[in-house]
Each structure stands twice: as C-alpha cells, then as structure tokens.
Amino acid sequence: MRTAAANAANAAGFDMVLNTDASARTAARVQGSFVDIQNATATAVMQFRVMNSGSLTETMRLRGNRVGIANPNPSTLLQVLNARCDGTTWNDACSRELKQDINALSTEAARAAIMTLAPVTYSYKQAPEDQRVGFIAEEVPDLVAMPDRTSLSSMDIVAALTKVVQEQDRALNEKDVELRQLNERLAAQEAAIAAIREQLQTTGR
C-alpha cells in the first residue's frame, strides 16, 4: 500500500497495489479532499476508485453526509446514478430527459398484463415472520418484468394499473352519458304520453 498522489487542493489518500510478476499495478484508490474545519460552509469529499477495464474508475463518493454511486454530486442522502433515497422514501428516476423511445401504453397491453398478474402472500427466507403481499418476479407478464426476472419495479405495475383504471373510468363516464340521455328521452316520452292523456280527457274521448 502506498500514498496516492493528491490531484486536488488539500487532498490525500492511498493506493492498494497488486504486485504481479510483471509489474505492480494500482487496483484501488481511496482519496479524500479535505477542507478548513473552521469554515462552517465547507464540505469534505471522499472518493473510492477501483480498477475497471484497465483504468481507475470512481465507484462511490461521500460528499458531506451524502453518498453518491455513479454520481459525483449526490443531492440526497443516497443517490445511485439518478435514483434517490432521502432516508424514508426511494424515488425512481423518472425525468423525461433521462428517457427515450417514449410511447403511449395501449389499453389492451395494460389490461392483459394486469389480468395475468397473480398476487401472492409470502415472507423472505431471511425474515420468515415478516408477512408480505406482492408478486413472483419469474411469473409476471413480460410487460412488467425486469430483464433478469429476479426483481420488480413497482412503477411498471402502477403504470399498467393506471392505464386500466383510466380506461374503466372513461367507459363508466360514457355509460353515464348514455344513461342520462336515455333518462331524458324517457322523461320526454312520459311527458308526451301524459299530454296525450290529458288531451283525451279534455275532449272526452
């Protein structure tokens, strides 16, 4: 192990070197950028780098009381690239700027996915006393499945469910309009019949 060359003001750290028959190569580096502790607005940084495809690549950064993974400037307690956790809630990265190939989800695809989901109760083997409700990743339809089929994104399922609920709401609104129109026509017919009866009674027929 040897001290790393600081590449920023007030920085220090160390390298972990792998010795081979050919040469010694740095396998990992930990480096901290320190600040004047008398400065109340100062924020210190600790960087962690490991060898990746032949070069040292930053994998994690501690910035003050925040942790960034694949993100050098985390804005919350924990930030993994663009997804964030504030200590109580995990927030998926959903900005339009991060997405491509954006298309509207069809009602047919959403309904097919929702209707084939099989909700189950379960507990994790590490916590058998903690009963949960959810789905089995290997058994969900392709629309809401993750590539490795070992995890799920609740946002995917919520999106499909939202589409189905929106379509059902639209259909119910259409039925309400049809029912109101039928009631109006029925009321008009009843009024016409009542007028005819009144006229017949008046003429004595």
C-alpha atoms as a PDB file:
ATOM      1  CA  MET A   1       0.000   0.000   0.000  1.00  0.00           C
ATOM      2  CA  ARG A   2       1.303   3.464  -0.829  1.00  0.00           C
ATOM      3  CA  THR A   3       0.165   7.039  -0.511  1.00  0.00           C
ATOM      4  CA  ALA A   4      -1.644   8.319  -3.583  1.00  0.00           C
ATOM      5  CA  ALA A   5      -0.620  11.474  -5.365  1.00  0.00           C
ATOM      6  CA  ALA A   6      -3.157  14.133  -4.441  1.00  0.00           C
ATOM      7  CA  ASN A   7      -4.790  15.666  -7.529  1.00  0.00           C
ATOM      8  CA  ALA A   8      -6.749  18.390  -5.752  1.00  0.00           C
ATOM      9  CA  ALA A   9      -6.022  21.018  -3.135  1.00  0.00           C
ATOM     10  CA  ASN A  10      -5.875  19.649   0.398  1.00  0.00           C
ATOM     11  CA  ALA A  11      -6.323  16.067  -0.879  1.00  0.00           C
ATOM     12  CA  ALA A  12      -4.695  12.905   0.429  1.00  0.00           C
ATOM     13  CA  GLY A  13      -5.287   9.188   0.154  1.00  0.00           C
ATOM     14  CA  PHE A  14      -3.772   5.822  -0.542  1.00  0.00           C
ATOM     15  CA  ASP A  15      -3.491   3.238  -3.287  1.00  0.00           C
ATOM     16  CA  MET A  16      -3.946  -0.508  -2.962  1.00  0.00           C
ATOM     17  CA  VAL A  17      -1.353  -2.025  -5.270  1.00  0.00           C
ATOM     18  CA  LEU A  18      -1.486  -5.510  -6.765  1.00  0.00           C
ATOM     19  CA  ASN A  19       2.005  -6.939  -7.229  1.00  0.00           C
ATOM     20  CA  THR A  20       2.452  -9.355 -10.139  1.00  0.00           C
ATOM     21  CA  ASP A  21       5.492 -10.974 -11.728  1.00  0.00           C
ATOM     22  CA  ALA A  22       5.411  -8.354 -14.461  1.00  0.00           C
ATOM     23  CA  SER A  23       4.751  -5.183 -12.523  1.00  0.00           C
ATOM     24  CA  ALA A  24       2.896  -3.553  -9.692  1.00  0.00           C
ATOM     25  CA  ARG A  25      -0.460  -2.032 -10.624  1.00  0.00           C
ATOM     26  CA  THR A  26      -2.854   0.086  -8.630  1.00  0.00           C
ATOM     27  CA  ALA A  27      -6.049  -1.910  -8.052  1.00  0.00           C
ATOM     28  CA  ALA A  28      -7.974   0.608  -5.965  1.00  0.00           C
ATOM     29  CA  ARG A  29      -7.668   4.139  -4.619  1.00  0.00           C
ATOM     30  CA  VAL A  30      -9.228   5.967  -1.696  1.00  0.00           C
ATOM     31  CA  GLN A  31      -8.799   9.723  -1.707  1.00  0.00           C
ATOM     32  CA  GLY A  32     -10.220  12.463   0.463  1.00  0.00           C
ATOM     33  CA  SER A  33     -10.451  16.153  -0.357  1.00  0.00           C
ATOM     34  CA  PHE A  34     -10.237  17.896   2.972  1.00  0.00           C
ATOM     35  CA  VAL A  35     -11.336  21.397   3.885  1.00  0.00           C
ATOM     36  CA  ASP A  36     -10.675  24.016   6.519  1.00  0.00           C
ATOM     37  CA  ILE A  37     -12.608  22.786   9.543  1.00  0.00           C
ATOM     38  CA  GLN A  38     -13.003  26.393  10.688  1.00  0.00           C
ATOM     39  CA  ASN A  39     -15.125  27.133   7.591  1.00  0.00           C
ATOM     40  CA  ALA A  40     -18.753  26.495   8.596  1.00  0.00           C
ATOM     41  CA  THR A  41     -19.858  26.185   4.949  1.00  0.00           C
ATOM     42  CA  ALA A  42     -17.152  23.763   3.850  1.00  0.00           C
ATOM     43  CA  THR A  43     -17.975  20.217   2.661  1.00  0.00           C
ATOM     44  CA  ALA A  44     -15.413  17.420   2.559  1.00  0.00           C
ATOM     45  CA  VAL A  45     -15.354  14.700  -0.108  1.00  0.00           C
ATOM     46  CA  MET A  46     -14.143  11.095  -0.002  1.00  0.00           C
ATOM     47  CA  GLN A  47     -13.740   9.229  -3.302  1.00  0.00           C
ATOM     48  CA  PHE A  48     -13.410   5.491  -3.906  1.00  0.00           C
ATOM     49  CA  ARG A  49     -11.977   4.189  -7.168  1.00  0.00           C
ATOM     50  CA  VAL A  50     -11.345   0.630  -8.375  1.00  0.00           C
ATOM     51  CA  MET A  51      -9.686  -0.834 -11.441  1.00  0.00           C
ATOM     52  CA  ASN A  52     -12.239  -1.327 -14.233  1.00  0.00           C
ATOM     53  CA  SER A  53     -11.199  -2.398 -17.754  1.00  0.00           C
ATOM     54  CA  GLY A  54      -7.669  -1.198 -17.188  1.00  0.00           C
ATOM     55  CA  SER A  55      -8.359   2.188 -15.607  1.00  0.00           C
ATOM     56  CA  LEU A  56      -9.257   3.505 -12.179  1.00  0.00           C
ATOM     57  CA  THR A  57     -12.980   4.297 -12.178  1.00  0.00           C
ATOM     58  CA  GLU A  58     -14.846   6.097  -9.426  1.00  0.00           C
ATOM     59  CA  THR A  59     -17.486   3.801  -7.912  1.00  0.00           C
ATOM     60  CA  MET A  60     -18.648   5.797  -4.894  1.00  0.00           C
ATOM     61  CA  ARG A  61     -18.290   9.260  -3.419  1.00  0.00           C
ATOM     62  CA  LEU A  62     -19.057  10.522   0.062  1.00  0.00           C
ATOM     63  CA  ARG A  63     -19.878  14.214  -0.107  1.00  0.00           C
ATOM     64  CA  GLY A  64     -20.550  15.602   3.335  1.00  0.00           C
ATOM     65  CA  ASN A  65     -23.353  13.437   4.721  1.00  0.00           C
ATOM     66  CA  ARG A  66     -24.410  12.181   1.275  1.00  0.00           C
ATOM     67  CA  VAL A  67     -23.446   9.060  -0.669  1.00  0.00           C
ATOM     68  CA  GLY A  68     -23.276   9.005  -4.454  1.00  0.00           C
ATOM     69  CA  ILE A  69     -22.859   5.836  -6.540  1.00  0.00           C
ATOM     70  CA  ALA A  70     -22.138   6.596 -10.203  1.00  0.00           C
ATOM     71  CA  ASN A  71     -22.991  10.183  -9.278  1.00  0.00           C
ATOM     72  CA  PRO A  72     -20.250  12.558  -8.091  1.00  0.00           C
ATOM     73  CA  ASN A  73     -22.644  15.167  -6.707  1.00  0.00           C
ATOM     74  CA  PRO A  74     -25.465  13.418  -4.774  1.00  0.00           C
ATOM     75  CA  SER A  75     -28.386  15.667  -3.876  1.00  0.00           C
ATOM     76  CA  THR A  76     -29.910  13.377  -1.219  1.00  0.00           C
ATOM     77  CA  LEU A  77     -28.628  11.000   1.466  1.00  0.00           C
ATOM     78  CA  LEU A  78     -28.164   8.219  -1.121  1.00  0.00           C
ATOM     79  CA  GLN A  79     -28.147   8.653  -4.888  1.00  0.00           C
ATOM     80  CA  VAL A  80     -27.473   5.824  -7.330  1.00  0.00           C
ATOM     81  CA  LEU A  81     -26.947   7.496 -10.705  1.00  0.00           C
ATOM     82  CA  ASN A  82     -30.317   9.315 -10.888  1.00  0.00           C
ATOM     83  CA  ALA A  83     -32.424   7.322  -8.405  1.00  0.00           C
ATOM     84  CA  ARG A  84     -32.512   8.810  -4.918  1.00  0.00           C
ATOM     85  CA  CYS A  85     -33.311   7.946  -1.319  1.00  0.00           C
ATOM     86  CA  ASP A  86     -33.938  10.605   1.322  1.00  0.00           C
ATOM     87  CA  GLY A  87     -33.809   8.153   4.208  1.00  0.00           C
ATOM     88  CA  THR A  88     -37.533   7.330   4.184  1.00  0.00           C
ATOM     89  CA  THR A  89     -38.552   7.008   0.520  1.00  0.00           C
ATOM     90  CA  TRP A  90     -36.851   5.596  -2.570  1.00  0.00           C
ATOM     91  CA  ASN A  91     -37.513   7.771  -5.625  1.00  0.00           C
ATOM     92  CA  ASP A  92     -37.110   6.260  -9.094  1.00  0.00           C
ATOM     93  CA  ALA A  93     -35.513   8.368 -11.809  1.00  0.00           C
ATOM     94  CA  CYS A  94     -38.491   9.430 -13.974  1.00  0.00           C
ATOM     95  CA  SER A  95     -37.473  12.642 -15.757  1.00  0.00           C
ATOM     96  CA  ARG A  96     -38.248  12.842 -19.477  1.00  0.00           C
ATOM     97  CA  GLU A  97     -34.652  13.973 -20.013  1.00  0.00           C
ATOM     98  CA  LEU A  98     -33.428  10.510 -18.967  1.00  0.00           C
ATOM     99  CA  LYS A  99     -35.748   8.552 -21.288  1.00  0.00           C
ATOM    100  CA  GLN A 100     -36.036   7.677 -24.958  1.00  0.00           C
ATOM    101  CA  ASP A 101     -38.463   5.802 -27.230  1.00  0.00           C
ATOM    102  CA  ILE A 102     -41.420   7.173 -25.227  1.00  0.00           C
ATOM    103  CA  ASN A 103     -44.750   5.755 -26.442  1.00  0.00           C
ATOM    104  CA  ALA A 104     -48.264   5.669 -25.006  1.00  0.00           C
ATOM    105  CA  LEU A 105     -49.168   2.381 -23.336  1.00  0.00           C
ATOM    106  CA  SER A 106     -52.113   0.697 -25.048  1.00  0.00           C
ATOM    107  CA  THR A 107     -55.154  -0.232 -23.009  1.00  0.00           C
ATOM    108  CA  GLU A 108     -55.073  -3.763 -24.416  1.00  0.00           C
ATOM    109  CA  ALA A 109     -51.477  -4.385 -23.324  1.00  0.00           C
ATOM    110  CA  ALA A 110     -52.080  -2.883 -19.886  1.00  0.00           C
ATOM    111  CA  ARG A 111     -55.266  -4.895 -19.305  1.00  0.00           C
ATOM    112  CA  ALA A 112     -53.603  -8.121 -20.452  1.00  0.00           C
ATOM    113  CA  ALA A 113     -50.739  -7.568 -18.004  1.00  0.00           C
ATOM    114  CA  ILE A 114     -52.944  -6.657 -15.048  1.00  0.00           C
ATOM    115  CA  MET A 115     -55.316  -9.569 -15.600  1.00  0.00           C
ATOM    116  CA  THR A 116     -52.455 -12.094 -15.686  1.00  0.00           C
ATOM    117  CA  LEU A 117     -50.706 -10.817 -12.566  1.00  0.00           C
ATOM    118  CA  ALA A 118     -51.005 -13.312  -9.724  1.00  0.00           C
ATOM    119  CA  PRO A 119     -50.837 -11.596  -6.301  1.00  0.00           C
ATOM    120  CA  VAL A 120     -49.430 -13.791  -3.521  1.00  0.00           C
ATOM    121  CA  THR A 121     -48.610 -13.571   0.155  1.00  0.00           C
ATOM    122  CA  TYR A 122     -45.079 -14.535   1.154  1.00  0.00           C
ATOM    123  CA  SER A 123     -42.182 -13.920   3.516  1.00  0.00           C
ATOM    124  CA  TYR A 124     -38.470 -13.694   2.785  1.00  0.00           C
ATOM    125  CA  LYS A 125     -36.359 -16.615   3.952  1.00  0.00           C
ATOM    126  CA  GLN A 126     -34.196 -14.225   5.977  1.00  0.00           C
ATOM    127  CA  ALA A 127     -37.287 -12.882   7.799  1.00  0.00           C
ATOM    128  CA  PRO A 128     -39.931 -15.644   7.894  1.00  0.00           C
ATOM    129  CA  GLU A 129     -42.011 -13.763  10.473  1.00  0.00           C
ATOM    130  CA  ASP A 130     -42.462 -10.729   8.182  1.00  0.00           C
ATOM    131  CA  GLN A 131     -45.557 -11.476   6.062  1.00  0.00           C
ATOM    132  CA  ARG A 132     -45.801  -9.557   2.797  1.00  0.00           C
ATOM    133  CA  VAL A 133     -48.027  -9.205  -0.268  1.00  0.00           C
ATOM    134  CA  GLY A 134     -46.694  -8.973  -3.803  1.00  0.00           C
ATOM    135  CA  PHE A 135     -45.721 -10.896  -6.920  1.00  0.00           C
ATOM    136  CA  ILE A 136     -43.185 -13.502  -8.026  1.00  0.00           C
ATOM    137  CA  ALA A 137     -40.664 -11.904 -10.406  1.00  0.00           C
ATOM    138  CA  GLU A 138     -40.310 -15.025 -12.557  1.00  0.00           C
ATOM    139  CA  GLU A 139     -44.081 -15.271 -13.064  1.00  0.00           C
ATOM    140  CA  VAL A 140     -45.167 -11.754 -14.040  1.00  0.00           C
ATOM    141  CA  PRO A 141     -46.064 -10.914 -17.681  1.00  0.00           C
ATOM    142  CA  ASP A 142     -43.309  -9.591 -19.932  1.00  0.00           C
ATOM    143  CA  LEU A 143     -44.703  -6.044 -19.924  1.00  0.00           C
ATOM    144  CA  VAL A 144     -43.817  -5.517 -16.250  1.00  0.00           C
ATOM    145  CA  ALA A 145     -40.902  -7.969 -15.956  1.00  0.00           C
ATOM    146  CA  MET A 146     -37.306  -6.913 -15.329  1.00  0.00           C
ATOM    147  CA  PRO A 147     -34.611  -8.308 -17.669  1.00  0.00           C
ATOM    148  CA  ASP A 148     -33.130 -10.647 -15.056  1.00  0.00           C
ATOM    149  CA  ARG A 149     -36.577 -11.694 -13.748  1.00  0.00           C
ATOM    150  CA  THR A 150     -35.343 -11.659 -10.149  1.00  0.00           C
ATOM    151  CA  SER A 151     -36.708  -8.231  -9.182  1.00  0.00           C
ATOM    152  CA  LEU A 152     -39.653  -5.961  -9.984  1.00  0.00           C
ATOM    153  CA  SER A 153     -40.261  -2.264 -10.417  1.00  0.00           C
ATOM    154  CA  SER A 154     -43.468  -1.198  -8.688  1.00  0.00           C
ATOM    155  CA  MET A 155     -43.635   1.795 -11.045  1.00  0.00           C
ATOM    156  CA  ASP A 156     -44.139  -0.548 -14.022  1.00  0.00           C
ATOM    157  CA  ILE A 157     -47.095  -2.249 -12.367  1.00  0.00           C
ATOM    158  CA  VAL A 158     -48.563   1.080 -11.227  1.00  0.00           C
ATOM    159  CA  ALA A 159     -48.343   2.421 -14.786  1.00  0.00           C
ATOM    160  CA  ALA A 160     -50.221  -0.569 -16.214  1.00  0.00           C
ATOM    161  CA  LEU A 161     -52.824  -0.399 -13.450  1.00  0.00           C
ATOM    162  CA  THR A 162     -53.251   3.349 -14.002  1.00  0.00           C
ATOM    163  CA  LYS A 163     -53.962   2.791 -17.697  1.00  0.00           C
ATOM    164  CA  VAL A 164     -56.601   0.160 -16.907  1.00  0.00           C
ATOM    165  CA  VAL A 165     -58.281   2.367 -14.299  1.00  0.00           C
ATOM    166  CA  GLN A 166     -58.290   5.328 -16.686  1.00  0.00           C
ATOM    167  CA  GLU A 167     -59.939   3.222 -19.393  1.00  0.00           C
ATOM    168  CA  GLN A 168     -62.538   1.903 -16.949  1.00  0.00           C
ATOM    169  CA  ASP A 169     -63.261   5.453 -15.795  1.00  0.00           C
ATOM    170  CA  ARG A 170     -63.664   6.587 -19.413  1.00  0.00           C
ATOM    171  CA  ALA A 171     -66.035   3.689 -20.142  1.00  0.00           C
ATOM    172  CA  LEU A 172     -68.069   4.438 -16.996  1.00  0.00           C
ATOM    173  CA  ASN A 173     -68.344   8.099 -17.988  1.00  0.00           C
ATOM    174  CA  GLU A 174     -69.616   7.083 -21.420  1.00  0.00           C
ATOM    175  CA  LYS A 175     -72.186   4.807 -19.805  1.00  0.00           C
ATOM    176  CA  ASP A 176     -73.254   7.648 -17.509  1.00  0.00           C
ATOM    177  CA  VAL A 177     -73.789   9.910 -20.522  1.00  0.00           C
ATOM    178  CA  GLU A 178     -75.774   7.195 -22.321  1.00  0.00           C
ATOM    179  CA  LEU A 179     -77.894   6.559 -19.220  1.00  0.00           C
ATOM    180  CA  ARG A 180     -78.569  10.262 -18.762  1.00  0.00           C
ATOM    181  CA  GLN A 181     -79.615  10.597 -22.405  1.00  0.00           C
ATOM    182  CA  LEU A 182     -81.910   7.559 -22.075  1.00  0.00           C
ATOM    183  CA  ASN A 183     -83.471   9.035 -18.944  1.00  0.00           C
ATOM    184  CA  GLU A 184     -84.016  12.345 -20.735  1.00  0.00           C
ATOM    185  CA  ARG A 185     -85.684  10.590 -23.680  1.00  0.00           C
ATOM    186  CA  LEU A 186     -87.817   8.507 -21.308  1.00  0.00           C
ATOM    187  CA  ALA A 187     -88.861  11.614 -19.422  1.00  0.00           C
ATOM    188  CA  ALA A 188     -89.786  13.311 -22.713  1.00  0.00           C
ATOM    189  CA  GLN A 189     -91.819  10.291 -23.799  1.00  0.00           C
ATOM    190  CA  GLU A 190     -93.607  10.138 -20.440  1.00  0.00           C
ATOM    191  CA  ALA A 191     -94.390  13.850 -20.711  1.00  0.00           C
ATOM    192  CA  ALA A 192     -95.757  13.355 -24.220  1.00  0.00           C
ATOM    193  CA  ILE A 193     -97.904  10.432 -23.100  1.00  0.00           C
ATOM    194  CA  ALA A 194     -99.199  12.471 -20.167  1.00  0.00           C
ATOM    195  CA  ALA A 195    -100.062  15.344 -22.527  1.00  0.00           C
ATOM    196  CA  ILE A 196    -101.938  12.973 -24.849  1.00  0.00           C
ATOM    197  CA  ARG A 197    -103.894  11.509 -21.926  1.00  0.00           C
ATOM    198  CA  GLU A 198    -104.747  14.972 -20.692  1.00  0.00           C
ATOM    199  CA  GLN A 199    -105.927  15.961 -24.159  1.00  0.00           C
ATOM    200  CA  LEU A 200    -108.049  12.815 -24.463  1.00  0.00           C
ATOM    201  CA  GLN A 201    -109.635  13.506 -21.096  1.00  0.00           C
ATOM    202  CA  THR A 202    -110.347  17.084 -22.125  1.00  0.00           C
ATOM    203  CA  THR A 203    -112.049  16.049 -25.381  1.00  0.00           C
ATOM    204  CA  GLY A 204    -113.913  13.267 -23.657  1.00  0.00           C
ATOM    205  CA  ARG A 205    -112.621  10.567 -25.892  1.00  0.00           C
END
